Amino acid sequence: SGCEVQVDIGASGYSLKVRDDANAGCLTANLSFNTSLKNPAGGTFNIPDTAPPAGIAVSAANFIYGRQGQTFSAANILINVDTQTITVDAVTGYVH
């Protein structure tokens, strides 16, 4: 989208949101993240449509991807999904 994207992950699912001026090019850095990112397949990336399967535990995480894919976090972000850990690299935004 070329916009900063806020990622909010929790036990009931995840949401992806952009700043409120997303339709105007995301040029105002001080607006809130209240606009749900549109899913190309239809709808939005929003809870509860993104709920994990029953019995799968997911740890909470909240971070922002910048326009170039980096996060604004000082350290890598760790997301636990059941017995696995997903790492989001703070500098590059690479997920592994």
N, C-alpha and C. Protein backbone atom coordinates (compact mmCIF):
# COMPACT_ATOMS: atom_id res chain seq x y z
N SER A 1 0.81 -1.20 0.00
CA SER A 1 0.00 0.00 0.00
C SER A 1 0.86 1.26 0.00
N GLY A 2 2.14 1.12 0.33
CA GLY A 2 3.00 2.29 0.44
C GLY A 2 2.77 3.07 1.72
N CYS A 3 1.96 2.52 2.61
CA CYS A 3 1.62 3.18 3.87
C CYS A 3 2.21 2.41 5.04
N GLU A 4 2.37 3.08 6.17
CA GLU A 4 2.71 2.37 7.39
C GLU A 4 1.54 1.49 7.77
N VAL A 5 1.83 0.29 8.27
CA VAL A 5 0.78 -0.66 8.63
C VAL A 5 0.98 -1.11 10.07
N GLN A 6 -0.06 -0.98 10.87
CA GLN A 6 -0.03 -1.44 12.25
C GLN A 6 -0.53 -2.89 12.29
N VAL A 7 0.27 -3.75 12.91
CA VAL A 7 -0.07 -5.16 13.07
C VAL A 7 -0.43 -5.37 14.53
N ASP A 8 -1.61 -5.91 14.78
CA ASP A 8 -2.06 -6.18 16.14
C ASP A 8 -2.47 -7.65 16.19
N ILE A 9 -1.72 -8.44 16.98
CA ILE A 9 -1.94 -9.89 17.07
C ILE A 9 -2.34 -10.25 18.48
N GLY A 10 -3.33 -11.11 18.60
CA GLY A 10 -3.78 -11.57 19.91
C GLY A 10 -4.41 -12.94 19.80
N ALA A 11 -4.87 -13.45 20.92
CA ALA A 11 -5.45 -14.79 20.98
C ALA A 11 -6.69 -14.94 20.11
N SER A 12 -7.40 -13.86 19.86
CA SER A 12 -8.64 -13.96 19.07
C SER A 12 -8.44 -13.64 17.60
N GLY A 13 -7.21 -13.37 17.17
CA GLY A 13 -6.93 -13.10 15.77
C GLY A 13 -5.98 -11.93 15.60
N TYR A 14 -5.94 -11.40 14.40
CA TYR A 14 -5.05 -10.27 14.13
C TYR A 14 -5.78 -9.24 13.28
N SER A 15 -5.25 -8.02 13.31
CA SER A 15 -5.78 -6.98 12.44
C SER A 15 -4.61 -6.21 11.84
N LEU A 16 -4.83 -5.72 10.64
CA LEU A 16 -3.87 -4.87 9.94
C LEU A 16 -4.56 -3.55 9.65
N LYS A 17 -3.96 -2.45 10.12
CA LYS A 17 -4.61 -1.15 9.96
C LYS A 17 -3.61 -0.14 9.42
N VAL A 18 -4.13 0.82 8.68
CA VAL A 18 -3.34 1.94 8.17
C VAL A 18 -3.85 3.23 8.80
N ARG A 19 -3.06 4.27 8.64
CA ARG A 19 -3.48 5.56 9.20
C ARG A 19 -4.76 6.04 8.50
N ASP A 20 -5.46 6.92 9.14
CA ASP A 20 -6.76 7.36 8.64
C ASP A 20 -6.71 8.11 7.32
N ASP A 21 -5.52 8.51 6.85
CA ASP A 21 -5.43 9.22 5.57
C ASP A 21 -4.95 8.30 4.46
N ALA A 22 -5.15 6.99 4.59
CA ALA A 22 -4.63 6.03 3.61
C ALA A 22 -5.13 6.31 2.20
N ASN A 23 -6.35 6.76 2.06
CA ASN A 23 -6.89 7.06 0.73
C ASN A 23 -6.27 8.31 0.12
N ALA A 24 -5.60 9.12 0.95
CA ALA A 24 -4.98 10.35 0.47
C ALA A 24 -3.46 10.21 0.34
N GLY A 25 -2.96 8.98 0.40
CA GLY A 25 -1.53 8.76 0.18
C GLY A 25 -0.70 8.57 1.43
N CYS A 26 -1.31 8.51 2.58
CA CYS A 26 -0.59 8.24 3.84
C CYS A 26 0.50 9.26 4.12
N LEU A 27 0.21 10.49 3.93
CA LEU A 27 1.25 11.51 4.09
C LEU A 27 1.27 12.16 5.46
N THR A 28 0.26 11.93 6.29
CA THR A 28 0.20 12.55 7.60
C THR A 28 0.60 11.54 8.66
N ALA A 29 1.78 11.68 9.22
CA ALA A 29 2.33 10.68 10.14
C ALA A 29 1.71 10.74 11.54
N ASN A 30 0.91 11.75 11.83
CA ASN A 30 0.39 11.87 13.19
C ASN A 30 -1.05 11.39 13.34
N LEU A 31 -1.64 10.80 12.32
CA LEU A 31 -3.01 10.30 12.42
C LEU A 31 -3.02 8.90 13.02
N SER A 32 -4.14 8.52 13.60
CA SER A 32 -4.27 7.22 14.24
C SER A 32 -4.45 6.10 13.23
N PHE A 33 -4.17 4.88 13.68
CA PHE A 33 -4.36 3.68 12.86
C PHE A 33 -5.76 3.14 13.13
N ASN A 34 -6.75 3.66 12.41
CA ASN A 34 -8.13 3.25 12.60
C ASN A 34 -8.75 2.64 11.35
N THR A 35 -8.05 2.69 10.23
CA THR A 35 -8.59 2.22 8.97
C THR A 35 -8.09 0.81 8.68
N SER A 36 -9.01 -0.16 8.60
CA SER A 36 -8.61 -1.54 8.33
C SER A 36 -8.06 -1.68 6.92
N LEU A 37 -6.95 -2.42 6.80
CA LEU A 37 -6.34 -2.66 5.50
C LEU A 37 -7.24 -3.60 4.71
N LYS A 38 -7.47 -3.29 3.45
CA LYS A 38 -8.35 -4.10 2.62
C LYS A 38 -7.62 -5.35 2.14
N ASN A 39 -8.32 -6.47 2.22
CA ASN A 39 -7.81 -7.75 1.74
C ASN A 39 -8.09 -7.83 0.24
N PRO A 40 -7.08 -8.10 -0.60
CA PRO A 40 -7.33 -8.19 -2.04
C PRO A 40 -8.39 -9.24 -2.40
N ALA A 41 -8.56 -10.23 -1.54
CA ALA A 41 -9.56 -11.28 -1.80
C ALA A 41 -10.96 -10.85 -1.37
N GLY A 42 -11.08 -9.67 -0.78
CA GLY A 42 -12.36 -9.17 -0.31
C GLY A 42 -12.36 -8.99 1.18
N GLY A 43 -13.09 -8.02 1.67
CA GLY A 43 -13.15 -7.75 3.10
C GLY A 43 -11.90 -7.05 3.59
N THR A 44 -11.63 -7.22 4.88
CA THR A 44 -10.46 -6.59 5.51
C THR A 44 -9.72 -7.63 6.34
N PHE A 45 -8.51 -7.27 6.75
CA PHE A 45 -7.75 -8.10 7.68
C PHE A 45 -8.13 -7.66 9.08
N ASN A 46 -9.11 -8.32 9.66
CA ASN A 46 -9.64 -7.83 10.92
C ASN A 46 -10.17 -8.98 11.77
N ILE A 47 -10.07 -8.84 13.09
CA ILE A 47 -10.64 -9.79 14.03
C ILE A 47 -12.16 -9.69 13.89
N PRO A 48 -12.96 -10.71 13.89
CA PRO A 48 -12.68 -12.12 14.15
C PRO A 48 -12.41 -12.95 12.90
N ASP A 49 -12.40 -12.31 11.72
CA ASP A 49 -12.19 -13.06 10.48
C ASP A 49 -10.83 -13.74 10.43
N THR A 50 -9.91 -13.32 11.27
CA THR A 50 -8.54 -13.84 11.25
C THR A 50 -8.24 -14.72 12.46
N ALA A 51 -9.26 -15.23 13.12
CA ALA A 51 -9.06 -16.03 14.34
C ALA A 51 -8.28 -17.31 14.03
N PRO A 52 -7.36 -17.69 14.94
CA PRO A 52 -6.62 -18.94 14.75
C PRO A 52 -7.56 -20.13 14.95
N PRO A 53 -7.17 -21.30 14.44
CA PRO A 53 -8.00 -22.49 14.65
C PRO A 53 -8.16 -22.79 16.14
N ALA A 54 -9.25 -23.46 16.49
CA ALA A 54 -9.51 -23.82 17.89
C ALA A 54 -8.34 -24.62 18.44
N GLY A 55 -7.94 -24.30 19.66
CA GLY A 55 -6.87 -25.03 20.33
C GLY A 55 -5.47 -24.51 20.04
N ILE A 56 -5.32 -23.52 19.15
CA ILE A 56 -4.01 -22.96 18.83
C ILE A 56 -3.82 -21.67 19.64
N ALA A 57 -2.79 -21.63 20.46
CA ALA A 57 -2.50 -20.45 21.28
C ALA A 57 -1.57 -19.51 20.53
N VAL A 58 -1.87 -18.23 20.57
CA VAL A 58 -1.07 -17.21 19.90
C VAL A 58 -0.76 -16.10 20.90
N SER A 59 0.52 -15.73 21.01
CA SER A 59 0.89 -14.66 21.93
C SER A 59 0.55 -13.30 21.32
N ALA A 60 0.41 -12.31 22.17
CA ALA A 60 0.07 -10.96 21.72
C ALA A 60 1.31 -10.23 21.22
N ALA A 61 1.10 -9.42 20.19
CA ALA A 61 2.16 -8.55 19.66
C ALA A 61 1.50 -7.37 18.97
N ASN A 62 2.17 -6.23 19.01
CA ASN A 62 1.68 -5.04 18.36
C ASN A 62 2.88 -4.28 17.85
N PHE A 63 2.94 -4.05 16.54
CA PHE A 63 4.06 -3.31 15.97
C PHE A 63 3.63 -2.64 14.67
N ILE A 64 4.49 -1.78 14.16
CA ILE A 64 4.19 -1.02 12.94
C ILE A 64 5.28 -1.28 11.91
N TYR A 65 4.84 -1.60 10.69
CA TYR A 65 5.75 -1.67 9.55
C TYR A 65 5.81 -0.29 8.92
N GLY A 66 7.03 0.18 8.64
CA GLY A 66 7.21 1.45 7.96
C GLY A 66 6.99 1.30 6.46
N ARG A 67 7.07 2.38 5.74
CA ARG A 67 6.83 2.38 4.29
C ARG A 67 7.82 1.51 3.52
N GLN A 68 9.01 1.31 4.07
CA GLN A 68 10.02 0.51 3.39
C GLN A 68 10.14 -0.90 3.96
N GLY A 69 9.18 -1.30 4.79
CA GLY A 69 9.14 -2.66 5.30
C GLY A 69 9.79 -2.88 6.64
N GLN A 70 10.51 -1.89 7.16
CA GLN A 70 11.13 -2.02 8.48
C GLN A 70 10.09 -1.86 9.57
N THR A 71 10.41 -2.31 10.77
CA THR A 71 9.52 -2.05 11.90
C THR A 71 10.05 -0.85 12.67
N PHE A 72 9.24 -0.32 13.55
CA PHE A 72 9.68 0.78 14.41
C PHE A 72 10.04 0.25 15.80
N SER A 73 10.33 -1.03 15.88
CA SER A 73 10.69 -1.67 17.14
C SER A 73 12.21 -1.64 17.31
N ALA A 74 12.67 -1.49 18.53
CA ALA A 74 14.10 -1.47 18.82
C ALA A 74 14.70 -2.88 18.82
N ALA A 75 13.86 -3.88 19.02
CA ALA A 75 14.33 -5.27 19.08
C ALA A 75 13.44 -6.15 18.20
N ASN A 76 13.93 -7.33 17.85
CA ASN A 76 13.12 -8.27 17.09
C ASN A 76 11.82 -8.56 17.83
N ILE A 77 10.78 -8.85 17.09
CA ILE A 77 9.47 -9.15 17.66
C ILE A 77 9.27 -10.66 17.62
N LEU A 78 8.94 -11.26 18.75
CA LEU A 78 8.72 -12.69 18.83
C LEU A 78 7.24 -12.97 19.03
N ILE A 79 6.70 -13.84 18.18
CA ILE A 79 5.28 -14.21 18.26
C ILE A 79 5.23 -15.72 18.42
N ASN A 80 4.66 -16.17 19.52
CA ASN A 80 4.54 -17.60 19.77
C ASN A 80 3.21 -18.10 19.22
N VAL A 81 3.30 -19.12 18.37
CA VAL A 81 2.12 -19.76 17.81
C VAL A 81 2.20 -21.23 18.20
N ASP A 82 1.42 -21.59 19.20
CA ASP A 82 1.46 -22.93 19.78
C ASP A 82 2.89 -23.21 20.23
N THR A 83 3.58 -24.17 19.65
CA THR A 83 4.94 -24.51 20.09
C THR A 83 6.02 -23.88 19.22
N GLN A 84 5.64 -23.08 18.24
CA GLN A 84 6.59 -22.46 17.32
C GLN A 84 6.74 -20.98 17.63
N THR A 85 7.88 -20.41 17.26
CA THR A 85 8.11 -18.98 17.43
C THR A 85 8.35 -18.34 16.07
N ILE A 86 7.60 -17.29 15.79
CA ILE A 86 7.80 -16.50 14.57
C ILE A 86 8.57 -15.25 14.98
N THR A 87 9.63 -14.93 14.24
CA THR A 87 10.44 -13.76 14.53
C THR A 87 10.26 -12.73 13.42
N VAL A 88 10.01 -11.49 13.80
CA VAL A 88 9.97 -10.38 12.86
C VAL A 88 11.22 -9.55 13.13
N ASP A 89 12.11 -9.48 12.14
CA ASP A 89 13.35 -8.73 12.30
C ASP A 89 13.04 -7.24 12.39
N ALA A 90 13.52 -6.60 13.45
CA ALA A 90 13.21 -5.20 13.70
C ALA A 90 13.74 -4.26 12.62
N VAL A 91 14.91 -4.58 12.06
CA VAL A 91 15.54 -3.68 11.10
C VAL A 91 14.98 -3.85 9.70
N THR A 92 14.78 -5.09 9.26
CA THR A 92 14.35 -5.34 7.89
C THR A 92 12.86 -5.66 7.75
N GLY A 93 12.21 -6.09 8.84
CA GLY A 93 10.82 -6.53 8.76
C GLY A 93 10.67 -7.95 8.28
N TYR A 94 11.80 -8.62 8.01
CA TYR A 94 11.78 -10.01 7.53
C TYR A 94 11.14 -10.91 8.57
N VAL A 95 10.23 -11.76 8.15
CA VAL A 95 9.52 -12.69 9.05
C VAL A 95 10.05 -14.09 8.81
N HIS A 96 10.47 -14.72 9.91
CA HIS A 96 10.96 -16.10 9.79
C HIS A 96 10.66 -16.87 11.05
